Amino acid sequence: MKAVRANADHAAVLEECSTPAPGPGMTLIKTLSAGICGSDLHTIRRLQSGYAAAETMLGHEVCGVVAELGEGVESAQVGDRVTVEPLHRCGRCLNCLAGRYNVCYEREFVLGNYVDRPGGLAEYFEVPAYCLVPVSETLSDDEGALIEPLAVGVHALKVARPGFRPTVGVIGAGSIGLAVVMAAAAIGAPHIIVGARHPHQRDAAARLGATLFVDTGGDTSEEALHRQLNGAPLPDIVVETVGGAEETINVAVNMVRPGGTVAMVGGYWQTSNVDLETLLMKEVTLTASNCYSSGRGSSDFEDAMAIIAANPRFVDTMLTHRFALDAATDAFQAALDKSTGSIKVMLSP
């Protein structure tokens, strides 16, 4: 079968590998639709810049169908259409028992993070049965694959504990930033303020509910950002979604109102110099949002599925490019080059 591997020279390459045989408690999933995530692109950039050495299999935003069951699996049936919440957990610790398996001591990403195991960008992949989330019959395969990134946005707002109808700021308008915009609109945020680098990202954010935009490519001091708001309320919450090697966490700290909350979603692979003095003087709460869970009142995946079902514009806005799995190298080039207008690039075997 075919699977996509991160490659420092070619961004991504398609290679032949053996179809996994599901072990006890595991399932074999046939991929129907899979998206390229910002973290997949971070993996490519880390390889190209020398910050990572191991070339790994990619993909975890998926919708697929159960093709085979391992021994002892009773929670799924062959033919079930599913998405995947790709977090290993022990199931026994206090965090797991509280539904916060995303911070279990044994927590491990089980899809798209291995040297020798296919990720979701493959014809088939293997995951534990407890990671499967049934996809509503009302959703398309593409919508099923978008549940995972939207769940990241849902979780970020829950972690920030927004209260009633908060004003929300979002730094970055890639797929996760847009997921936060959609989640903020779903909870009734009256103002959603977005820092987007590219015009097509601004357009997408506006379609999903953004009400105001700020330029984060120039002066990002507190004074400059507040001037750009033109009298609009300062955000109660600012969600940082860029990460990588950027200093955008300080943009978020500068933008948020005194006493507000900054939720850090972007994954950093270089040390970031956080402006602790501003953080202190504004008494800003800086919190981290790690993937998704079911530990804050409801399942982030179930909430994301409900939002997508109620808002067909989400997939229409997010999905900009589609490729066959055989064209994976071209797909990653389009995803890496924002001049193509790419937001979410999907592949189908």
Protein backbone atom coordinates (compact mmCIF):
# COMPACT_ATOMS: atom_id res chain seq x y z
CA MET A 1 0.00 0.00 0.00
CA LYS A 2 0.98 3.68 -0.27
CA ALA A 3 1.78 6.14 2.53
CA VAL A 4 3.22 9.66 2.79
CA ARG A 5 6.52 10.35 4.53
CA ALA A 6 8.02 13.71 5.47
CA ASN A 7 11.22 14.28 3.54
CA ALA A 8 13.64 17.17 4.00
CA ASP A 9 14.53 17.27 0.30
CA HIS A 10 11.13 16.94 -1.33
CA ALA A 11 8.68 18.12 1.39
CA ALA A 12 6.75 14.85 1.20
CA VAL A 13 7.17 11.63 -0.73
CA LEU A 14 4.90 8.69 -1.39
CA GLU A 15 6.32 5.27 -0.61
CA GLU A 16 5.23 1.66 -0.64
CA CYS A 17 4.85 -0.12 2.68
CA SER A 18 3.10 -3.14 4.13
CA THR A 19 -0.55 -2.90 5.10
CA PRO A 20 -0.73 -3.10 8.92
CA ALA A 21 -2.35 -6.13 10.55
CA PRO A 22 -4.34 -4.91 13.59
CA GLY A 23 -3.22 -6.40 16.88
CA PRO A 24 -5.34 -6.92 19.99
CA GLY A 25 -7.50 -3.88 20.73
CA MET A 26 -6.52 -2.27 17.43
CA THR A 27 -8.41 -1.48 14.24
CA LEU A 28 -7.40 -1.17 10.60
CA ILE A 29 -8.91 1.92 8.94
CA LYS A 30 -9.23 2.50 5.20
CA THR A 31 -8.75 6.22 4.53
CA LEU A 32 -11.53 8.07 2.74
CA SER A 33 -10.31 11.67 3.14
CA ALA A 34 -7.31 13.13 4.97
CA GLY A 35 -6.11 16.68 5.52
CA ILE A 36 -2.64 18.18 5.75
CA CYS A 37 -2.27 19.78 9.19
CA GLY A 38 -0.09 22.72 10.17
CA SER A 39 1.84 20.32 12.39
CA ASP A 40 2.63 18.23 9.28
CA LEU A 41 4.04 21.39 7.71
CA HIS A 42 6.01 22.13 10.91
CA THR A 43 7.54 18.65 10.59
CA ILE A 44 8.69 19.47 7.06
CA ARG A 45 10.13 22.83 8.15
CA ARG A 46 11.94 21.26 11.10
CA LEU A 47 13.54 18.72 8.77
CA GLN A 48 14.51 21.37 6.25
CA SER A 49 16.02 23.64 8.91
CA GLY A 50 17.92 20.86 10.69
CA TYR A 51 15.83 20.91 13.89
CA ALA A 52 14.69 17.33 13.28
CA ALA A 53 16.62 14.37 11.97
CA ALA A 54 14.10 11.54 11.59
CA GLU A 55 11.83 11.47 8.55
CA THR A 56 8.37 10.44 9.75
CA MET A 57 5.02 9.29 8.37
CA LEU A 58 2.37 12.01 8.22
CA GLY A 59 -1.34 12.61 8.67
CA HIS A 60 -3.90 12.56 11.49
CA GLU A 61 -6.89 14.57 10.21
CA VAL A 62 -8.88 11.72 8.75
CA CYS A 63 -12.21 10.22 7.92
CA GLY A 64 -12.17 6.53 7.13
CA VAL A 65 -14.01 3.27 7.35
CA VAL A 66 -13.22 0.34 9.63
CA ALA A 67 -11.72 -2.38 7.44
CA GLU A 68 -10.58 -4.94 10.02
CA LEU A 69 -10.81 -5.53 13.77
CA GLY A 70 -8.07 -6.80 16.03
CA GLU A 71 -8.71 -9.38 18.72
CA GLY A 72 -11.05 -8.25 21.50
CA VAL A 73 -12.49 -5.19 19.76
CA GLU A 74 -16.20 -4.88 20.51
CA SER A 75 -16.72 -1.10 20.32
CA ALA A 76 -16.56 -0.93 16.53
CA GLN A 77 -17.77 -2.89 13.53
CA VAL A 78 -16.32 -3.42 10.09
CA GLY A 79 -17.89 -0.79 7.83
CA ASP A 80 -18.25 1.91 10.50
CA ARG A 81 -17.33 5.38 9.18
CA VAL A 82 -15.13 7.11 11.72
CA THR A 83 -12.74 9.90 12.49
CA VAL A 84 -9.84 9.47 14.91
CA GLU A 85 -8.96 11.14 18.20
CA PRO A 86 -5.32 10.04 17.97
CA LEU A 87 -4.19 10.11 21.61
CA HIS A 88 -2.93 7.08 23.49
CA ARG A 89 -3.79 7.18 27.19
CA CYS A 90 -3.48 4.82 30.16
CA GLY A 91 -7.15 5.07 31.15
CA ARG A 92 -6.29 4.72 34.85
CA CYS A 93 -4.67 7.96 36.08
CA LEU A 94 -6.59 10.84 37.63
CA ASN A 95 -6.43 12.86 34.43
CA CYS A 96 -7.78 10.00 32.32
CA LEU A 97 -10.58 9.32 34.79
CA ALA A 98 -11.51 13.01 34.58
CA GLY A 99 -11.55 12.90 30.77
CA ARG A 100 -8.28 14.83 30.49
CA TYR A 101 -6.40 12.05 28.71
CA ASN A 102 -4.62 14.70 26.63
CA VAL A 103 -2.36 15.28 29.66
CA CYS A 104 -2.03 11.64 30.75
CA TYR A 105 1.56 10.77 31.72
CA GLU A 106 1.45 8.03 29.08
CA ARG A 107 -0.11 10.32 26.48
CA GLU A 108 1.30 9.70 23.03
CA PHE A 109 0.22 10.69 19.55
CA VAL A 110 -0.70 7.44 17.83
CA LEU A 111 -1.09 8.56 14.24
CA GLY A 112 1.22 10.37 11.85
CA ASN A 113 4.16 10.60 14.22
CA TYR A 114 6.19 7.47 13.58
CA VAL A 115 9.15 6.50 11.46
CA ASP A 116 7.85 3.05 10.54
CA ARG A 117 4.05 3.23 10.95
CA PRO A 118 1.71 4.78 8.36
CA GLY A 119 -0.16 7.92 9.37
CA GLY A 120 -3.54 9.04 8.14
CA LEU A 121 -2.06 10.11 4.80
CA ALA A 122 -2.02 6.52 3.63
CA GLU A 123 -4.37 3.99 2.09
CA TYR A 124 -4.71 2.21 5.45
CA PHE A 125 -3.56 2.84 9.02
CA GLU A 126 -3.86 1.16 12.41
CA VAL A 127 -5.17 2.81 15.60
CA PRO A 128 -6.57 1.67 18.97
CA ALA A 129 -10.31 1.09 18.93
CA TYR A 130 -10.83 3.60 21.75
CA CYS A 131 -9.56 6.38 19.44
CA LEU A 132 -12.43 5.96 16.99
CA VAL A 133 -15.26 8.50 16.89
CA PRO A 134 -18.28 7.60 14.72
CA VAL A 135 -19.01 10.23 12.08
CA SER A 136 -22.61 11.38 11.71
CA GLU A 137 -24.37 10.17 8.56
CA THR A 138 -25.24 13.79 7.80
CA LEU A 139 -21.57 14.73 7.32
CA SER A 140 -19.45 14.19 4.21
CA ASP A 141 -16.08 12.46 4.32
CA ASP A 142 -14.36 15.85 4.07
CA GLU A 143 -16.40 17.20 6.98
CA GLY A 144 -15.49 14.08 8.95
CA ALA A 145 -11.80 14.79 8.38
CA LEU A 146 -12.25 18.39 9.57
CA ILE A 147 -13.64 17.35 12.96
CA GLU A 148 -10.13 16.91 14.37
CA PRO A 149 -8.79 20.42 13.63
CA LEU A 150 -12.06 22.05 14.72
CA ALA A 151 -11.87 20.11 18.00
CA VAL A 152 -8.52 21.85 18.63
CA GLY A 153 -10.26 25.23 18.35
CA VAL A 154 -13.16 24.11 20.55
CA HIS A 155 -10.74 22.92 23.23
CA ALA A 156 -8.76 26.18 23.19
CA LEU A 157 -11.82 28.22 24.08
CA LYS A 158 -12.87 25.79 26.80
CA VAL A 159 -9.40 25.97 28.36
CA ALA A 160 -9.58 29.77 28.34
CA ARG A 161 -12.88 29.60 30.33
CA PRO A 162 -14.47 32.43 28.36
CA GLY A 163 -17.63 33.12 30.34
CA PHE A 164 -20.65 34.56 28.55
CA ARG A 165 -20.16 35.83 24.98
CA PRO A 166 -16.49 36.85 25.23
CA THR A 167 -14.63 39.03 22.77
CA VAL A 168 -12.07 36.73 21.13
CA GLY A 169 -8.78 37.51 19.40
CA VAL A 170 -7.02 34.99 17.18
CA ILE A 171 -3.38 35.21 16.13
CA GLY A 172 -2.92 33.32 12.89
CA ALA A 173 -5.51 32.34 10.30
CA GLY A 174 -4.27 28.99 9.12
CA SER A 175 -6.55 26.00 9.56
CA ILE A 176 -6.32 26.03 13.38
CA GLY A 177 -6.80 29.80 13.60
CA LEU A 178 -9.87 29.49 11.40
CA ALA A 179 -11.10 26.63 13.57
CA VAL A 180 -10.90 28.96 16.58
CA VAL A 181 -12.85 31.60 14.63
CA MET A 182 -15.58 29.05 13.87
CA ALA A 183 -15.66 27.87 17.49
CA ALA A 184 -15.83 31.48 18.74
CA ALA A 185 -18.72 32.25 16.40
CA ALA A 186 -20.50 29.12 17.65
CA ILE A 187 -20.42 30.35 21.27
CA GLY A 188 -21.78 33.74 20.26
CA ALA A 189 -18.67 35.92 20.51
CA PRO A 190 -19.82 39.44 19.54
CA HIS A 191 -16.37 40.49 18.34
CA ILE A 192 -13.79 38.14 16.76
CA ILE A 193 -10.52 39.93 16.01
CA VAL A 194 -8.05 38.14 13.75
CA GLY A 195 -4.42 38.66 12.80
CA ALA A 196 -4.00 37.07 9.35
CA ARG A 197 -0.95 37.22 7.11
CA HIS A 198 -2.57 36.55 3.74
CA PRO A 199 -5.61 38.07 1.99
CA HIS A 200 -7.22 34.69 1.31
CA GLN A 201 -6.97 33.87 5.01
CA ARG A 202 -8.69 37.15 5.87
CA ASP A 203 -11.48 36.35 3.43
CA ALA A 204 -11.92 32.89 4.96
CA ALA A 205 -11.95 34.27 8.51
CA ALA A 206 -14.61 36.84 7.53
CA ARG A 207 -16.82 34.10 6.07
CA LEU A 208 -16.53 32.16 9.32
CA GLY A 209 -17.41 35.08 11.58
CA ALA A 210 -14.42 37.39 12.06
CA THR A 211 -15.54 40.98 12.62
CA LEU A 212 -12.23 42.89 12.67
CA PHE A 213 -8.66 42.37 11.49
CA VAL A 214 -5.30 43.57 12.77
CA ASP A 215 -1.97 43.67 10.97
CA THR A 216 0.55 41.53 12.83
CA GLY A 217 3.26 41.90 10.22
CA GLY A 218 4.53 45.29 11.38
CA ASP A 219 4.41 47.12 14.70
CA THR A 220 2.85 44.71 17.19
CA SER A 221 3.33 46.80 20.31
CA GLU A 222 0.38 47.07 22.66
CA GLU A 223 -0.27 50.65 21.61
CA ALA A 224 -0.16 49.87 17.87
CA LEU A 225 -2.48 46.87 18.19
CA HIS A 226 -5.00 48.79 20.28
CA ARG A 227 -5.01 51.65 17.75
CA GLN A 228 -5.93 49.15 15.05
CA LEU A 229 -9.01 48.09 17.02
CA ASN A 230 -10.57 51.51 16.37
CA GLY A 231 -12.38 51.61 19.69
CA ALA A 232 -13.60 47.99 19.59
CA PRO A 233 -13.42 46.20 22.96
CA LEU A 234 -10.09 44.61 23.75
CA PRO A 235 -10.31 40.81 23.53
CA ASP A 236 -11.16 38.95 26.73
CA ILE A 237 -9.33 35.98 25.22
CA VAL A 238 -6.58 35.81 22.63
CA VAL A 239 -5.73 32.42 21.12
CA GLU A 240 -2.23 32.07 19.61
CA THR A 241 -2.20 29.47 16.82
CA VAL A 242 1.06 30.09 14.92
CA GLY A 243 3.85 28.61 17.05
CA GLY A 244 6.89 27.24 15.25
CA ALA A 245 9.80 29.64 15.50
CA GLU A 246 7.68 32.79 15.77
CA GLU A 247 7.34 35.32 18.61
CA THR A 248 3.60 35.60 18.21
CA ILE A 249 2.88 34.72 21.82
CA ASN A 250 3.93 38.28 22.68
CA VAL A 251 1.55 39.65 20.06
CA ALA A 252 -1.23 37.84 21.91
CA VAL A 253 -0.09 39.22 25.29
CA ASN A 254 -0.03 42.74 23.86
CA MET A 255 -3.47 42.44 22.30
CA VAL A 256 -5.46 40.95 25.19
CA ARG A 257 -7.24 43.20 27.70
CA PRO A 258 -5.70 43.61 31.18
CA GLY A 259 -6.89 40.69 33.27
CA GLY A 260 -7.67 38.63 30.17
CA THR A 261 -6.46 35.21 29.07
CA VAL A 262 -4.04 34.09 26.38
CA ALA A 263 -4.45 30.49 25.24
CA MET A 264 -1.37 29.01 23.56
CA VAL A 265 -2.24 26.47 20.86
CA GLY A 266 0.65 26.78 18.40
CA GLY A 267 3.40 24.21 18.88
CA TYR A 268 6.84 25.79 19.35
CA TRP A 269 9.99 24.09 18.15
CA GLN A 270 12.29 26.96 19.11
CA THR A 271 12.54 28.75 22.43
CA SER A 272 10.20 31.72 22.61
CA ASN A 273 11.06 34.84 24.63
CA VAL A 274 7.84 35.67 26.44
CA ASP A 275 7.47 39.26 27.64
CA LEU A 276 7.00 38.41 31.31
CA GLU A 277 6.90 42.04 32.43
CA THR A 278 3.86 42.81 30.28
CA LEU A 279 2.28 39.53 31.32
CA LEU A 280 2.72 40.52 34.97
CA MET A 281 1.70 44.16 34.74
CA LYS A 282 -1.50 43.31 32.84
CA GLU A 283 -2.16 40.32 35.12
CA VAL A 284 -2.77 38.17 32.06
CA THR A 285 -3.48 34.48 32.49
CA LEU A 286 -1.31 32.47 30.10
CA THR A 287 -2.66 28.96 29.61
CA ALA A 288 -1.78 26.09 27.29
CA SER A 289 -4.26 24.20 25.14
CA ASN A 290 -3.10 20.71 24.21
CA CYS A 291 -5.11 19.03 21.46
CA TYR A 292 -8.55 17.95 22.76
CA SER A 293 -10.26 15.90 25.46
CA SER A 294 -13.63 15.29 27.08
CA GLY A 295 -12.64 16.67 30.47
CA ARG A 296 -14.31 20.10 30.34
CA GLY A 297 -17.98 19.22 30.37
CA SER A 298 -18.28 17.51 26.99
CA SER A 299 -16.27 15.82 24.24
CA ASP A 300 -14.43 18.33 22.05
CA PHE A 301 -14.87 15.97 19.08
CA GLU A 302 -18.63 15.68 19.63
CA ASP A 303 -18.92 19.46 20.01
CA ALA A 304 -16.90 20.01 16.83
CA MET A 305 -19.09 17.55 14.94
CA ALA A 306 -22.21 19.43 16.03
CA ILE A 307 -20.74 22.78 14.92
CA ILE A 308 -19.86 21.39 11.48
CA ALA A 309 -23.33 19.86 11.09
CA ALA A 310 -24.88 23.27 11.82
CA ASN A 311 -22.45 25.25 9.65
CA PRO A 312 -21.87 23.80 6.16
CA ARG A 313 -19.83 26.91 5.31
CA PHE A 314 -16.98 25.54 7.44
CA VAL A 315 -15.93 22.86 4.95
CA ASP A 316 -16.78 25.12 1.98
CA THR A 317 -14.44 27.77 3.38
CA MET A 318 -11.65 25.55 4.65
CA LEU A 319 -11.23 23.11 1.77
CA THR A 320 -9.27 24.91 -0.97
CA HIS A 321 -7.31 22.12 -2.65
CA ARG A 322 -7.83 18.42 -3.29
CA PHE A 323 -5.29 15.91 -4.55
CA ALA A 324 -5.09 12.19 -5.08
CA LEU A 325 -2.76 10.42 -2.66
CA ASP A 326 -0.45 9.70 -5.61
CA ALA A 327 0.10 13.48 -5.92
CA ALA A 328 1.21 13.93 -2.29
CA THR A 329 4.37 15.85 -3.19
CA ASP A 330 2.34 18.39 -5.18
CA ALA A 331 -0.21 18.58 -2.37
CA PHE A 332 2.44 19.50 0.20
CA GLN A 333 3.99 22.06 -2.11
CA ALA A 334 0.57 23.72 -2.41
CA ALA A 335 0.06 23.60 1.36
CA LEU A 336 3.49 25.09 2.08
CA ASP A 337 3.15 27.88 -0.50
CA LYS A 338 0.42 30.25 0.68
CA SER A 339 0.55 32.14 -2.61
CA THR A 340 -1.53 29.22 -3.94
CA GLY A 341 -4.40 30.37 -1.72
CA SER A 342 -4.25 27.14 0.24
CA ILE A 343 -5.95 26.71 3.61
CA LYS A 344 -6.89 23.06 3.94
CA VAL A 345 -5.41 20.66 1.43
CA MET A 346 -7.12 17.27 1.35
CA LEU A 347 -5.90 13.99 -0.12
CA SER A 348 -7.93 10.93 -1.03
CA PRO A 349 -6.53 7.49 -1.94
